[in-house]
């Protein structure tokens, strides 16, 4: 199983392998397959890779999808940075050691290698990475399906499942081309998988909540079961007391509560903004001002 933490090396060596958890492998292939069956299936799709960077290996522990607000076509995909920023903050609440390792994106046909256009963007990005290297995966749907439909590995740097294939590379800041990167799969979850249940809600509020995570550091986001479906629970601690504002985001509904400690634990007292606004950030700030008075 991939380690919980990894040592920060002052002189990292060139990457010799990338390790995916089973959860990451499952999510990447399942979401690629679902994308191909969707009404946008002819477009490219992609994921950010988060995890740990060891001396000579990258361990991928979480994936963030490009999002429904992505800009994509048959020849490019631009990710929805707002939703990915909030998702990244959620994952790193308890895992400050995680870092952005690289990107997986798909290509049409049998183009299993990054393009010259990919290189122009990637070579600039890796220059600012720790170790000055990045991990890149290319997804294609041109593999010969195995009889069992199980994971296969025809080459050290290739993973396959059914007709889907991932080909893995590493690029350093001084490289003129990508190098093949051996890939392995080990036990473990995708730490971002719970967010898939509330991704629509996350996208709807990301542009409003991202500034609040910096403005209000005593903020915690979690995924929980709501009244009828999974929801986002946002808890903002009072900077000067034991009380907190708790916000539940379920579908298009927004519910606000005062979270108070009691002898038996905690209690939720419904709150309503004096002047409700469509902007969730304004409602949160107005309620916090009321609680501070």
Protein backbone atom coordinates (compact mmCIF):
# COMPACT_ATOMS: atom_id res chain seq x y z
CA UNK A 1 0.00 0.00 0.00
CA UNK A 2 1.39 3.48 -0.81
CA UNK A 3 2.87 5.24 2.23
CA UNK A 4 0.89 7.79 4.23
CA UNK A 5 3.71 10.29 3.85
CA UNK A 6 6.91 10.54 1.89
CA UNK A 7 10.25 12.12 2.62
CA UNK A 8 11.08 15.49 1.07
CA UNK A 9 14.40 15.02 -0.69
CA UNK A 10 16.72 17.99 -1.14
CA UNK A 11 18.17 16.39 -4.29
CA UNK A 12 15.43 14.31 -5.95
CA UNK A 13 16.48 11.83 -8.59
CA UNK A 14 14.78 11.45 -11.98
CA UNK A 15 11.46 9.63 -11.73
CA UNK A 16 11.77 5.91 -12.40
CA UNK A 17 8.11 4.93 -11.83
CA UNK A 18 4.61 6.17 -11.08
CA UNK A 19 2.36 4.29 -8.66
CA UNK A 20 -1.44 4.47 -8.87
CA UNK A 21 -3.70 3.29 -6.11
CA UNK A 22 -6.39 0.82 -7.14
CA UNK A 23 -8.95 3.53 -6.46
CA UNK A 24 -7.21 5.96 -8.81
CA UNK A 25 -6.92 3.28 -11.51
CA UNK A 26 -10.62 2.41 -11.17
CA UNK A 27 -11.78 6.04 -11.30
CA UNK A 28 -9.65 6.96 -14.31
CA UNK A 29 -10.87 4.04 -16.41
CA UNK A 30 -14.49 4.15 -15.23
CA UNK A 31 -14.87 7.88 -15.89
CA UNK A 32 -13.17 7.57 -19.27
CA UNK A 33 -15.59 4.79 -20.23
CA UNK A 34 -18.59 6.82 -19.01
CA UNK A 35 -17.36 9.89 -20.88
CA UNK A 36 -17.21 7.97 -24.15
CA UNK A 37 -20.87 7.01 -23.74
CA UNK A 38 -21.97 10.58 -22.94
CA UNK A 39 -23.22 13.25 -25.35
CA UNK A 40 -19.75 14.85 -25.16
CA UNK A 41 -17.93 11.59 -25.80
CA UNK A 42 -16.22 12.83 -28.95
CA UNK A 43 -14.29 15.44 -26.93
CA UNK A 44 -11.00 15.01 -25.12
CA UNK A 45 -11.29 14.61 -21.35
CA UNK A 46 -8.75 14.80 -18.52
CA UNK A 47 -7.84 14.66 -14.84
CA UNK A 48 -5.35 16.31 -12.49
CA UNK A 49 -3.18 13.94 -10.46
CA UNK A 50 -2.43 14.65 -6.80
CA UNK A 51 -0.15 12.66 -4.55
CA UNK A 52 3.32 12.25 -3.11
CA UNK A 53 6.70 12.81 -4.74
CA UNK A 54 9.43 10.57 -3.41
CA UNK A 55 13.09 10.54 -4.29
CA UNK A 56 12.53 8.74 -7.59
CA UNK A 57 8.82 7.86 -7.68
CA UNK A 58 5.45 9.59 -7.88
CA UNK A 59 2.52 8.09 -5.93
CA UNK A 60 -0.89 9.20 -7.20
CA UNK A 61 -3.50 9.26 -4.41
CA UNK A 62 -6.26 11.43 -5.90
CA UNK A 63 -7.74 12.54 -9.22
CA UNK A 64 -9.70 15.69 -10.02
CA UNK A 65 -11.91 15.61 -13.15
CA UNK A 66 -11.86 18.32 -15.80
CA UNK A 67 -15.44 19.22 -14.83
CA UNK A 68 -18.63 19.87 -16.75
CA UNK A 69 -17.60 23.50 -17.29
CA UNK A 70 -14.46 22.45 -19.17
CA UNK A 71 -13.67 23.86 -22.59
CA UNK A 72 -13.03 20.89 -24.84
CA UNK A 73 -13.11 19.58 -28.39
CA UNK A 74 -11.70 16.65 -30.33
CA UNK A 75 -8.25 18.25 -30.17
CA UNK A 76 -8.01 19.93 -26.74
CA UNK A 77 -9.35 20.08 -23.19
CA UNK A 78 -9.09 23.06 -20.80
CA UNK A 79 -10.00 22.19 -17.22
CA UNK A 80 -12.50 24.00 -14.98
CA UNK A 81 -9.94 25.53 -12.61
CA UNK A 82 -12.50 26.93 -10.13
CA UNK A 83 -14.00 23.57 -9.20
CA UNK A 84 -10.57 21.92 -9.14
CA UNK A 85 -9.25 24.62 -6.80
CA UNK A 86 -12.01 23.96 -4.27
CA UNK A 87 -11.63 20.20 -4.64
CA UNK A 88 -7.88 20.49 -4.09
CA UNK A 89 -8.49 22.50 -0.92
CA UNK A 90 -10.93 19.82 0.31
CA UNK A 91 -8.43 17.01 -0.18
CA UNK A 92 -5.54 18.90 1.41
CA UNK A 93 -7.47 19.74 4.59
CA UNK A 94 -6.05 16.55 6.13
CA UNK A 95 -3.21 15.88 3.68
CA UNK A 96 -1.00 18.94 3.47
CA UNK A 97 1.77 16.76 2.03
CA UNK A 98 -0.06 16.19 -1.26
CA UNK A 99 1.13 18.03 -4.33
CA UNK A 100 0.14 18.30 -7.98
CA UNK A 101 2.06 15.59 -9.84
CA UNK A 102 0.76 15.81 -13.38
CA UNK A 103 -2.14 15.29 -15.77
CA UNK A 104 -3.94 12.54 -17.63
CA UNK A 105 -5.85 13.42 -20.78
CA UNK A 106 -7.25 11.49 -23.71
CA UNK A 107 -6.48 11.51 -27.42
CA UNK A 108 -8.62 10.39 -30.34
CA UNK A 109 -7.73 7.32 -32.37
CA UNK A 110 -4.38 5.71 -31.56
CA UNK A 111 -2.38 8.84 -30.73
CA UNK A 112 -0.72 7.34 -27.65
CA UNK A 113 1.98 10.01 -27.25
CA UNK A 114 1.72 13.66 -26.14
CA UNK A 115 1.63 16.12 -29.03
CA UNK A 116 3.91 19.05 -29.76
CA UNK A 117 1.16 21.31 -28.42
CA UNK A 118 1.10 19.29 -25.19
CA UNK A 119 4.87 19.68 -24.94
CA UNK A 120 4.79 23.46 -25.27
CA UNK A 121 2.50 23.78 -22.28
CA UNK A 122 3.96 20.96 -20.19
CA UNK A 123 7.61 22.05 -20.49
CA UNK A 124 6.74 25.42 -18.95
CA UNK A 125 4.76 23.82 -16.13
CA UNK A 126 7.37 21.23 -15.09
CA UNK A 127 10.00 23.94 -14.67
CA UNK A 128 8.15 25.09 -11.54
CA UNK A 129 7.61 21.59 -10.10
CA UNK A 130 9.58 20.13 -7.23
CA UNK A 131 12.17 17.96 -8.94
CA UNK A 132 11.41 19.84 -12.18
CA UNK A 133 9.51 16.85 -13.56
CA UNK A 134 5.87 15.99 -14.20
CA UNK A 135 3.86 12.83 -14.81
CA UNK A 136 1.64 12.60 -17.88
CA UNK A 137 -0.79 9.91 -18.99
CA UNK A 138 -2.41 9.61 -22.41
CA UNK A 139 -5.70 7.74 -22.68
CA UNK A 140 -6.79 6.09 -25.91
CA UNK A 141 -9.54 3.64 -26.84
CA UNK A 142 -7.61 1.47 -29.25
CA UNK A 143 -6.48 -1.46 -27.12
CA UNK A 144 -7.33 -5.05 -27.95
CA UNK A 145 -9.76 -6.16 -25.18
CA UNK A 146 -8.69 -9.10 -23.05
CA UNK A 147 -10.95 -12.11 -22.81
CA UNK A 148 -11.49 -11.62 -19.08
CA UNK A 149 -11.96 -7.86 -19.13
CA UNK A 150 -9.40 -7.53 -16.32
CA UNK A 151 -6.54 -5.06 -16.01
CA UNK A 152 -3.60 -5.88 -18.23
CA UNK A 153 -0.12 -4.43 -18.70
CA UNK A 154 1.32 -5.20 -22.15
CA UNK A 155 4.33 -2.94 -21.50
CA UNK A 156 5.84 -1.52 -18.29
CA UNK A 157 4.52 1.98 -19.08
CA UNK A 158 1.07 0.89 -20.32
CA UNK A 159 -2.15 -0.10 -18.52
CA UNK A 160 -5.17 -1.54 -20.28
CA UNK A 161 -8.75 -2.41 -19.41
CA UNK A 162 -11.08 -3.58 -22.14
CA UNK A 163 -10.58 -1.34 -25.17
CA UNK A 164 -9.17 1.48 -23.04
CA UNK A 165 -5.46 2.13 -22.68
CA UNK A 166 -3.26 4.51 -20.65
CA UNK A 167 0.29 5.21 -21.73
CA UNK A 168 2.48 6.91 -19.11
CA UNK A 169 5.33 9.39 -19.54
CA UNK A 170 7.56 11.73 -17.54
CA UNK A 171 8.88 15.08 -18.75
CA UNK A 172 11.74 17.05 -17.19
CA UNK A 173 12.38 20.75 -17.63
CA UNK A 174 15.45 20.07 -19.79
CA UNK A 175 13.98 17.21 -21.83
CA UNK A 176 13.39 17.59 -25.54
CA UNK A 177 10.85 14.79 -25.47
CA UNK A 178 8.79 12.73 -23.02
CA UNK A 179 10.29 9.56 -21.56
CA UNK A 180 8.35 6.36 -20.99
CA UNK A 181 7.52 5.93 -17.30
CA UNK A 182 6.83 2.48 -15.81
CA UNK A 183 3.49 2.37 -13.98
CA UNK A 184 2.36 0.15 -11.10
CA UNK A 185 -0.94 -0.29 -9.25
CA UNK A 186 -1.09 -0.86 -5.50
CA UNK A 187 -3.87 -1.04 -2.91
CA UNK A 188 -5.49 2.17 -1.77
CA UNK A 189 -8.40 4.56 -2.47
CA UNK A 190 -8.79 7.64 -4.61
CA UNK A 191 -8.94 10.32 -1.90
CA UNK A 192 -11.10 12.52 -4.13
CA UNK A 193 -13.71 9.86 -4.91
CA UNK A 194 -16.22 11.12 -2.27
CA UNK A 195 -16.35 14.46 -4.10
CA UNK A 196 -17.80 12.76 -7.18
CA UNK A 197 -21.11 12.40 -5.28
CA UNK A 198 -21.43 16.19 -4.92
CA UNK A 199 -19.49 17.44 -7.93
CA UNK A 200 -22.49 19.33 -9.34
CA UNK A 201 -22.94 21.17 -6.03
CA UNK A 202 -19.20 21.86 -5.83
CA UNK A 203 -19.17 23.39 -9.32
CA UNK A 204 -22.18 25.56 -8.47
CA UNK A 205 -20.49 27.22 -5.47
CA UNK A 206 -16.75 26.99 -6.24
CA UNK A 207 -16.31 30.55 -7.50
CA UNK A 208 -17.98 31.87 -4.31
CA UNK A 209 -16.37 29.57 -1.77
CA UNK A 210 -12.78 29.67 -3.04
CA UNK A 211 -12.15 33.20 -1.67
CA UNK A 212 -13.78 32.26 1.66
CA UNK A 213 -11.35 29.39 2.25
CA UNK A 214 -8.54 31.97 2.30
CA UNK A 215 -10.48 34.66 4.15
CA UNK A 216 -11.81 32.28 6.84
CA UNK A 217 -9.09 29.75 7.72
CA UNK A 218 -11.25 28.03 10.38
CA UNK A 219 -13.36 26.48 7.66
CA UNK A 220 -13.92 22.78 7.02
CA UNK A 221 -15.69 21.07 4.13
CA UNK A 222 -16.99 17.51 4.19
CA UNK A 223 -19.23 15.24 2.17
CA UNK A 224 -22.16 13.78 4.10
CA UNK A 225 -25.61 12.33 3.57
CA UNK A 226 -28.28 15.03 3.33
CA UNK A 227 -32.03 14.73 3.58
CA UNK A 228 -32.38 12.94 0.26
CA UNK A 229 -28.94 12.80 -1.33
CA UNK A 230 -25.23 13.38 -0.58
CA UNK A 231 -24.46 16.99 0.30
CA UNK A 232 -21.61 19.37 1.02
CA UNK A 233 -21.31 20.33 4.68
CA UNK A 234 -19.40 23.55 5.32
CA UNK A 235 -18.47 24.43 8.91
CA UNK A 236 -16.95 27.82 9.73
CA UNK A 237 -15.69 28.21 13.30
CA UNK A 238 -16.31 31.47 15.13
CA UNK A 239 -12.89 33.16 15.47
CA UNK A 240 -13.59 34.12 19.10
CA UNK A 241 -15.74 31.36 20.57
CA UNK A 242 -17.05 27.79 20.57
CA UNK A 243 -19.92 28.39 18.16
CA UNK A 244 -19.78 27.90 14.40
CA UNK A 245 -21.81 28.52 11.29
CA UNK A 246 -22.79 25.32 9.49
CA UNK A 247 -23.99 25.38 5.87
CA UNK A 248 -25.55 22.44 4.04
CA UNK A 249 -25.50 22.44 0.23
CA UNK A 250 -27.80 19.77 -1.20
CA UNK A 251 -28.78 20.10 -4.84
CA UNK A 252 -29.94 23.70 -5.27
CA UNK A 253 -30.93 24.03 -1.60
CA UNK A 254 -28.85 26.01 0.90
CA UNK A 255 -29.48 25.52 4.62
CA UNK A 256 -27.82 27.61 7.36
CA UNK A 257 -27.40 26.65 11.03
CA UNK A 258 -25.78 27.77 14.23
CA UNK A 259 -23.64 24.89 15.46
CA UNK A 260 -23.42 24.93 19.24
CA UNK A 261 -21.69 22.64 21.68
CA UNK A 262 -23.99 21.05 24.29
CA UNK A 263 -23.48 18.61 27.15
CA UNK A 264 -24.48 15.79 24.83
CA UNK A 265 -22.40 16.90 21.88
CA UNK A 266 -23.56 19.51 19.38
CA UNK A 267 -26.87 20.94 18.20
CA UNK A 268 -27.96 22.64 14.98
CA UNK A 269 -30.16 25.73 15.29
CA UNK A 270 -31.67 26.90 11.98
CA UNK A 271 -30.65 30.37 10.82
CA UNK A 272 -31.88 32.59 8.02
CA UNK A 273 -30.01 35.56 6.51
CA UNK A 274 -31.81 38.86 7.20
CA UNK A 275 -31.53 39.75 3.53
CA UNK A 276 -31.16 36.45 1.63
CA UNK A 277 -28.98 36.69 -1.46
CA UNK A 278 -28.45 34.30 -4.34
CA UNK A 279 -24.73 34.48 -3.58
CA UNK A 280 -23.87 31.95 -0.90
CA UNK A 281 -20.74 33.86 0.14
CA UNK A 282 -22.74 37.00 0.99
CA UNK A 283 -25.19 34.97 3.06
CA UNK A 284 -22.32 33.35 4.97
CA UNK A 285 -20.58 36.65 5.66
CA UNK A 286 -23.77 38.35 6.84
CA UNK A 287 -24.55 35.50 9.23
CA UNK A 288 -21.00 35.52 10.59
CA UNK A 289 -21.29 39.23 11.31
CA UNK A 290 -24.52 38.55 13.22
CA UNK A 291 -22.88 35.78 15.26
CA UNK A 292 -19.98 38.04 16.20
CA UNK A 293 -22.26 40.75 17.61
